[in-house]
Protein backbone atom coordinates (compact mmCIF):
# COMPACT_ATOMS: atom_id res chain seq x y z
CA MET A 1 -18.25 61.78 20.76
CA PRO A 2 -14.67 60.99 22.02
CA SER A 3 -14.55 60.61 25.77
CA THR A 4 -11.11 62.56 26.01
CA VAL A 5 -13.27 65.62 26.30
CA PRO A 6 -16.54 65.79 28.34
CA LEU A 7 -19.76 67.63 27.43
CA VAL A 8 -21.76 69.44 30.71
CA ASP A 9 -25.17 70.81 29.79
CA LEU A 10 -24.04 73.91 33.22
CA SER A 11 -27.91 74.30 32.87
CA PRO A 12 -29.35 72.16 35.74
CA TRP A 13 -26.50 74.18 38.20
CA PHE A 14 -28.17 77.23 37.12
CA ALA A 15 -31.50 76.54 37.90
CA GLY A 16 -30.47 75.55 41.29
CA THR A 17 -31.98 72.08 42.59
CA SER A 18 -29.26 70.77 44.66
CA GLU A 19 -30.00 67.05 42.97
CA GLY A 20 -29.21 68.95 39.28
CA ARG A 21 -26.45 71.51 41.25
CA ALA A 22 -24.86 67.70 42.34
CA GLU A 23 -24.82 65.81 39.24
CA VAL A 24 -23.01 68.95 36.80
CA ALA A 25 -20.44 68.97 40.22
CA ALA A 26 -19.86 65.84 40.58
CA ARG A 27 -19.45 65.46 36.66
CA ILE A 28 -17.17 68.60 36.20
CA ASP A 29 -14.63 66.89 39.48
CA ARG A 30 -14.58 63.38 37.10
CA ALA A 31 -14.03 65.54 33.68
CA LEU A 32 -11.06 67.24 35.08
CA ARG A 33 -9.45 64.61 36.89
CA GLU A 34 -9.10 62.85 33.93
CA SER A 35 -8.99 65.08 30.78
CA GLY A 36 -8.71 68.58 32.05
CA PHE A 37 -10.96 69.35 28.78
CA LEU A 38 -14.94 69.59 28.77
CA LEU A 39 -17.19 71.20 26.65
CA VAL A 40 -19.77 73.57 28.41
CA THR A 41 -23.69 74.09 27.29
CA GLY A 42 -26.16 76.17 29.28
CA HIS A 43 -23.66 78.67 29.89
CA GLY A 44 -25.80 81.80 29.40
CA VAL A 45 -23.39 83.95 27.00
CA PRO A 46 -25.46 84.95 23.92
CA ASP A 47 -24.83 83.57 20.75
CA ASP A 48 -25.06 86.94 19.29
CA LEU A 49 -22.41 88.29 21.38
CA ARG A 50 -19.67 85.31 20.19
CA ARG A 51 -21.12 86.11 16.23
CA ARG A 52 -19.32 89.59 16.77
CA THR A 53 -16.63 89.25 18.34
CA ARG A 54 -15.93 87.25 16.17
CA GLU A 55 -16.96 89.55 12.68
CA LEU A 56 -15.02 92.45 14.36
CA ALA A 57 -11.34 90.54 15.22
CA ARG A 58 -11.81 89.94 11.72
CA GLU A 59 -12.07 92.65 10.88
CA PHE A 60 -8.77 93.93 12.79
CA PHE A 61 -6.90 91.15 11.24
CA GLY A 62 -8.01 92.17 7.80
CA LEU A 63 -6.55 95.06 8.29
CA PRO A 64 -3.57 96.34 6.44
CA GLU A 65 0.15 95.88 7.92
CA ASP A 66 1.11 99.14 8.26
CA VAL A 67 -2.17 99.61 10.30
CA LYS A 68 -1.82 96.75 12.13
CA GLN A 69 1.55 97.53 13.27
CA ARG A 70 0.46 100.94 15.02
CA TYR A 71 -1.43 98.43 18.02
CA ALA A 72 2.22 96.21 18.22
CA VAL A 73 3.16 94.70 21.46
CA THR A 74 5.24 91.74 22.99
CA VAL A 75 4.03 88.92 25.11
CA GLY A 76 2.02 90.46 28.08
CA GLY A 77 0.89 93.43 26.08
CA ARG A 78 -2.23 95.09 25.45
CA GLY A 79 -2.77 95.29 21.54
CA TRP A 80 -2.02 93.06 18.42
CA LEU A 81 0.72 90.69 18.85
CA PRO A 82 2.18 89.88 15.25
CA PRO A 83 3.14 87.17 13.96
CA GLY A 84 6.93 85.65 15.22
CA VAL A 85 6.22 87.18 18.39
CA GLU A 86 5.28 83.98 20.88
CA ALA A 87 6.14 80.51 20.48
CA ASN A 88 4.18 78.30 23.68
CA GLY A 89 5.80 75.21 22.97
CA TYR A 90 9.16 76.92 24.76
CA ALA A 91 6.89 76.85 27.92
CA GLU A 92 7.88 72.95 28.09
CA GLY A 93 11.42 74.01 27.24
CA THR A 94 11.38 72.95 23.67
CA GLU A 95 12.28 75.52 21.20
CA THR A 96 9.93 75.36 18.47
CA PRO A 97 9.50 78.06 14.74
CA PRO A 98 7.39 80.69 16.29
CA ASP A 99 3.60 80.08 16.22
CA LEU A 100 1.32 80.46 12.80
CA LYS A 101 -1.12 83.07 14.44
CA GLU A 102 -1.39 87.60 15.01
CA SER A 103 -3.62 87.47 17.93
CA PHE A 104 -4.71 91.14 19.56
CA SER A 105 -4.94 91.11 23.36
CA ALA A 106 -6.82 92.66 26.28
CA GLY A 107 -6.95 92.49 30.07
CA ALA A 108 -8.32 93.46 33.12
CA ASP A 109 -7.59 97.41 33.29
CA ALA A 110 -8.80 97.82 36.63
CA GLY A 111 -5.48 99.03 38.59
CA VAL A 112 -5.04 98.63 42.21
CA GLY A 113 -2.92 101.80 42.36
CA VAL A 114 0.28 100.11 42.45
CA ALA A 115 2.31 101.56 39.45
CA GLU A 116 4.54 98.38 39.11
CA ILE A 117 1.39 96.41 39.40
CA ASP A 118 -0.25 98.11 37.33
CA GLY A 119 1.81 98.38 35.01
CA PHE A 120 2.04 94.56 33.84
CA TRP A 121 -1.07 93.12 35.17
CA PHE A 122 -3.70 95.97 34.70
CA GLN A 123 -2.26 97.81 31.78
CA PRO A 124 -5.20 100.10 29.37
CA ASN A 125 -6.50 98.26 27.09
CA VAL A 126 -5.66 99.64 23.22
CA TRP A 127 -8.88 99.55 20.41
CA PRO A 128 -8.44 100.48 16.67
CA ASP A 129 -10.03 103.40 16.28
CA GLU A 130 -10.55 101.30 12.61
CA VAL A 131 -12.81 99.17 13.46
CA PRO A 132 -15.93 101.12 15.62
CA GLY A 133 -17.50 98.67 17.88
CA PHE A 134 -14.99 97.03 18.70
CA ALA A 135 -13.87 98.32 22.21
CA GLU A 136 -17.73 98.11 23.71
CA THR A 137 -18.56 94.35 22.30
CA ALA A 138 -15.54 93.06 23.42
CA THR A 139 -15.36 94.25 26.89
CA GLU A 140 -18.70 93.08 27.13
CA TYR A 141 -17.38 89.50 25.38
CA MET A 142 -14.87 90.18 28.53
CA ARG A 143 -17.24 90.23 31.02
CA ARG A 144 -19.37 87.73 30.44
CA MET A 145 -16.23 85.87 30.99
CA ARG A 146 -15.59 86.48 34.09
CA ALA A 147 -18.88 86.36 35.17
CA LEU A 148 -19.06 82.41 33.73
CA SER A 149 -15.52 81.96 34.93
CA ASP A 150 -16.33 83.03 38.63
CA HIS A 151 -19.44 80.06 38.35
CA LEU A 152 -16.77 77.83 36.70
CA LEU A 153 -14.83 78.28 40.22
CA GLU A 154 -18.01 78.02 42.62
CA ILE A 155 -18.64 75.06 40.55
CA PHE A 156 -15.15 73.44 40.71
CA ALA A 157 -15.80 73.95 44.48
CA ALA A 158 -19.20 72.60 45.30
CA ALA A 159 -16.83 69.88 42.85
CA LEU A 160 -14.13 69.16 46.12
CA GLY A 161 -16.74 69.76 49.12
CA LEU A 162 -15.50 72.60 50.05
CA ALA A 163 -17.75 76.59 50.78
CA GLU A 164 -18.52 77.47 47.34
CA SER A 165 -16.14 80.80 47.77
CA HIS A 166 -12.82 78.61 47.92
CA PHE A 167 -11.66 79.99 45.02
CA THR A 168 -13.89 83.23 44.36
CA ARG A 169 -13.22 84.49 47.06
CA HIS A 170 -9.09 84.68 45.12
CA THR A 171 -10.89 86.62 42.46
CA GLY A 172 -12.29 90.20 43.92
CA HIS A 173 -9.62 91.86 41.42
CA PRO A 174 -8.56 89.47 39.31
CA THR A 175 -6.15 89.33 36.34
CA TYR A 176 -7.12 88.71 33.61
CA THR A 177 -6.07 88.55 29.62
CA PHE A 178 -8.65 88.10 26.78
CA ASN A 179 -6.46 87.21 23.55
CA ILE A 180 -8.21 86.70 19.99
CA ASN A 181 -5.93 84.86 17.94
CA TRP A 182 -6.63 84.25 14.29
CA TYR A 183 -4.54 81.49 12.40
CA PRO A 184 -3.87 82.47 9.00
CA PRO A 185 -4.29 80.32 5.78
CA MET A 186 -1.19 78.35 4.23
CA THR A 187 -1.93 80.32 1.43
CA ARG A 188 -0.73 83.82 3.11
CA VAL A 189 2.06 82.17 5.97
CA GLY A 190 3.29 79.14 3.47
CA THR A 191 4.58 75.95 4.59
CA PRO A 192 5.11 75.35 8.11
CA GLU A 193 8.35 74.36 8.63
CA PRO A 194 9.31 71.07 10.71
CA GLU A 195 7.70 70.85 13.78
CA GLN A 196 5.60 74.52 13.57
CA PHE A 197 2.29 75.11 15.23
CA ARG A 198 -0.48 77.54 14.82
CA ILE A 199 -0.31 77.47 18.91
CA GLY A 200 3.03 74.55 20.05
CA PRO A 201 2.18 72.23 22.42
CA HIS A 202 1.83 73.94 26.50
CA THR A 203 -0.73 73.68 28.83
CA ASP A 204 -2.34 76.58 30.16
CA PHE A 205 -0.72 78.66 33.58
CA GLY A 206 -3.60 80.23 35.45
CA THR A 207 -7.58 78.77 37.11
CA VAL A 208 -9.69 77.67 34.09
CA THR A 209 -9.25 78.87 30.03
CA VAL A 210 -13.33 79.92 28.62
CA LEU A 211 -12.20 79.49 24.57
CA ASP A 212 -15.24 80.13 22.14
CA ARG A 213 -13.42 77.96 18.88
CA GLN A 214 -14.09 77.79 15.22
CA ALA A 215 -13.11 73.78 14.02
CA GLY A 216 -11.13 73.38 11.38
CA VAL A 217 -8.87 70.97 9.79
CA GLY A 218 -5.53 72.77 11.67
CA GLY A 219 -7.72 72.47 15.01
CA LEU A 220 -7.90 71.73 18.61
CA GLN A 221 -5.85 68.79 19.74
CA VAL A 222 -5.32 67.63 23.07
CA TYR A 223 -3.16 65.06 24.54
CA THR A 224 -4.54 62.42 26.65
CA ALA A 225 -4.13 60.54 29.57
CA ASP A 226 -2.59 57.56 27.03
CA GLY A 227 0.18 59.51 25.81
CA GLU A 228 -1.28 60.08 22.30
CA TRP A 229 -2.99 63.06 20.39
CA ALA A 230 -6.63 63.74 19.98
CA ASP A 231 -8.46 65.82 17.99
CA ALA A 232 -10.49 67.81 20.14
CA PRO A 233 -14.61 67.77 19.99
CA PHE A 234 -16.46 70.75 18.67
CA ASP A 235 -20.40 72.09 19.75
CA PRO A 236 -21.29 75.25 18.05
CA ALA A 237 -22.96 76.17 21.28
CA ALA A 238 -20.38 75.22 23.83
CA PHE A 239 -17.37 77.03 25.47
CA THR A 240 -14.05 74.27 25.26
CA VAL A 241 -12.96 74.81 29.12
CA ASN A 242 -9.51 73.51 30.36
CA ILE A 243 -7.84 74.49 34.28
CA GLY A 244 -3.87 75.84 33.86
CA ASP A 245 -0.95 74.76 36.03
CA LEU A 246 -2.31 77.50 39.20
CA MET A 247 -5.11 75.29 39.54
CA ALA A 248 -3.67 72.15 39.07
CA ARG A 249 -1.07 73.27 41.76
CA TRP A 250 -4.16 74.24 43.75
CA THR A 251 -5.86 71.28 43.40
CA GLY A 252 -2.77 69.38 44.41
CA ASP A 253 -2.47 67.64 40.83
CA ARG A 254 -6.27 65.92 42.09
CA TRP A 255 -7.01 67.88 38.37
CA ARG A 256 -5.14 67.95 35.07
CA SER A 257 -3.28 70.50 33.39
CA THR A 258 -3.45 68.76 29.94
CA ARG A 259 -1.00 69.88 26.96
CA HIS A 260 -3.00 70.66 24.24
CA ARG A 261 -1.45 72.45 20.70
CA VAL A 262 -3.76 73.84 17.58
CA LEU A 263 -2.33 71.95 14.41
CA PRO A 264 -0.74 73.48 11.34
CA PRO A 265 -2.04 75.26 8.64
CA ALA A 266 -2.73 71.40 6.36
CA ALA A 267 -1.88 71.22 2.62
CA SER A 268 -5.57 69.56 2.41
CA ALA A 269 -6.92 73.00 3.25
CA PRO A 270 -4.94 75.43 2.38
CA ASP A 271 -7.68 78.50 2.20
CA GLU A 272 -9.08 78.03 6.09
CA ASP A 273 -8.62 80.11 8.69
CA LEU A 274 -10.04 80.33 12.05
CA VAL A 275 -10.26 82.60 14.52
CA SER A 276 -10.38 81.63 18.73
CA LEU A 277 -12.05 83.49 21.36
CA ILE A 278 -9.76 82.77 24.79
CA PHE A 279 -10.04 83.85 27.89
CA PHE A 280 -7.29 82.86 30.50
CA TYR A 281 -8.67 83.65 33.86
CA GLU A 282 -5.93 84.05 36.62
CA THR A 283 -7.02 85.29 40.05
CA ASP A 284 -6.22 88.48 42.37
CA HIS A 285 -2.94 89.71 41.99
CA ASP A 286 -0.93 88.94 45.74
CA ALA A 287 -3.28 85.48 45.83
CA ARG A 288 -1.33 83.16 48.50
CA ILE A 289 -2.14 79.68 45.73
CA THR A 290 -1.68 76.67 48.41
CA SER A 291 -2.24 73.34 47.88
CA LEU A 292 -5.12 71.22 48.71
CA ALA A 293 -4.04 68.40 51.43
CA PRO A 294 -4.82 64.92 50.85
CA PRO A 295 -7.36 62.74 50.38
CA LEU A 296 -8.01 65.71 47.94
CA GLY A 297 -4.96 66.89 46.27
CA LYS A 298 -2.38 64.44 45.62
CA THR A 299 1.18 66.37 45.79
CA VAL A 300 1.73 69.39 48.48
CA TYR A 301 3.73 72.14 46.22
CA PRO A 302 5.59 75.35 48.39
CA GLU A 303 2.70 78.42 48.28
CA VAL A 304 3.12 81.07 45.62
CA ILE A 305 2.13 84.47 44.80
CA ALA A 306 -0.33 84.04 41.80
CA SER A 307 0.94 86.87 40.42
CA ASP A 308 5.16 85.73 40.64
CA TYR A 309 3.89 82.18 39.82
CA LEU A 310 2.23 83.60 36.55
CA ARG A 311 5.14 86.18 35.49
CA GLU A 312 7.59 83.37 34.92
CA LYS A 313 5.09 80.74 32.55
CA LEU A 314 4.92 84.23 30.42
CA THR A 315 8.24 85.27 30.22
CA ALA A 316 8.74 81.56 28.59
CA ILE A 317 6.89 82.21 26.08
CA THR A 318 7.61 85.10 24.52
CA VAL A 319 10.57 84.98 21.46
CA THR A 320 13.28 87.24 22.20
C-alpha cells in the first residue's frame, strides 16, 4: 500500500491497553504530520449500515429530476444539491467549472435556541418521502459517525500528549454535515470540460472528515508532500480519514490539511458511477479555536470563532 495514505487499525485503542493506545496515537500523529490522510479499520461501524445507507441514497439519486427538484437547495442547505451548484476549486481561488456530482445533504439539527444560529447551522433535515427508510438509516449513520469522530478527536489529543478531552470539550453541541455524493457516469454528464472534476482540488474545512468511498477509475486523489497527485489506496473495510483546515490551524500546522480531488469520469470507464458517504465534523458553533503553541505547533494563528471561520469557507465554494 502506498505510504501516502497509511492504514491504522483502531482496535488496540478500543481494547484499552496502554501500550496499544499509545501505538495507535503515535501512528496517527505520524500519518497526520506526513500525509493528513489515513485509512482506519477496527472502527466498529457495521458494514450493513454502510451498505444500506448507500443503497437508499442510490434510490434517491435514481428518482426523476422533477421529484428531486422538490428537495433542491444550495450549498449549506439540507436536501438535494443539484449539478452545477458547487465548485470546490473556488476555495483555492481558482475559477473552475462546476463539480460533476449531485449531493444529498443532512446534518446536525438540534438547535441551540437562537434563530440566527439555528437557521444556518442546525437546519431541520429534509428527507424524501419517495425513499422509505432513508431518514432512519441515514440518521443512524450520522450517529455512528459522530461517535467515531469524537473517538478520533480523543486519539488526536492523546497523540499530542494532551488531556483526552482537549478537543471533545468543544464538541458538546457540534455542527456537522453529512454529504452523500453521487458521481454520475460519463454517459450521463458527457465529456468533462477542461479542469472539470467530480470534485475540484480543495482542502476540507473542519476538524475531521470520515469518508466511506467506492473504488473507481474516476476516484480520490491526494496531493502528496512531494507536490504530486497520487491515487488514494482503497480498502473496503476501512474509512478514509483526513483533517480539515480548522484542525490544522488548531494544531498550529503540526498536522496537514491536505489538498485532494475526485477525478472526472474517464473515457475508459464511461458507465462508472460512484457514491461516497462523507461526514464533515466540526465543533460547537461558538468554539474559540486557539493554535497550539510551539513545540507542539509550528505556527500561531489568531484565535477564531469556529462558525465564522467555517461559514466564510462554505461561501467560497458556492456557485452563484
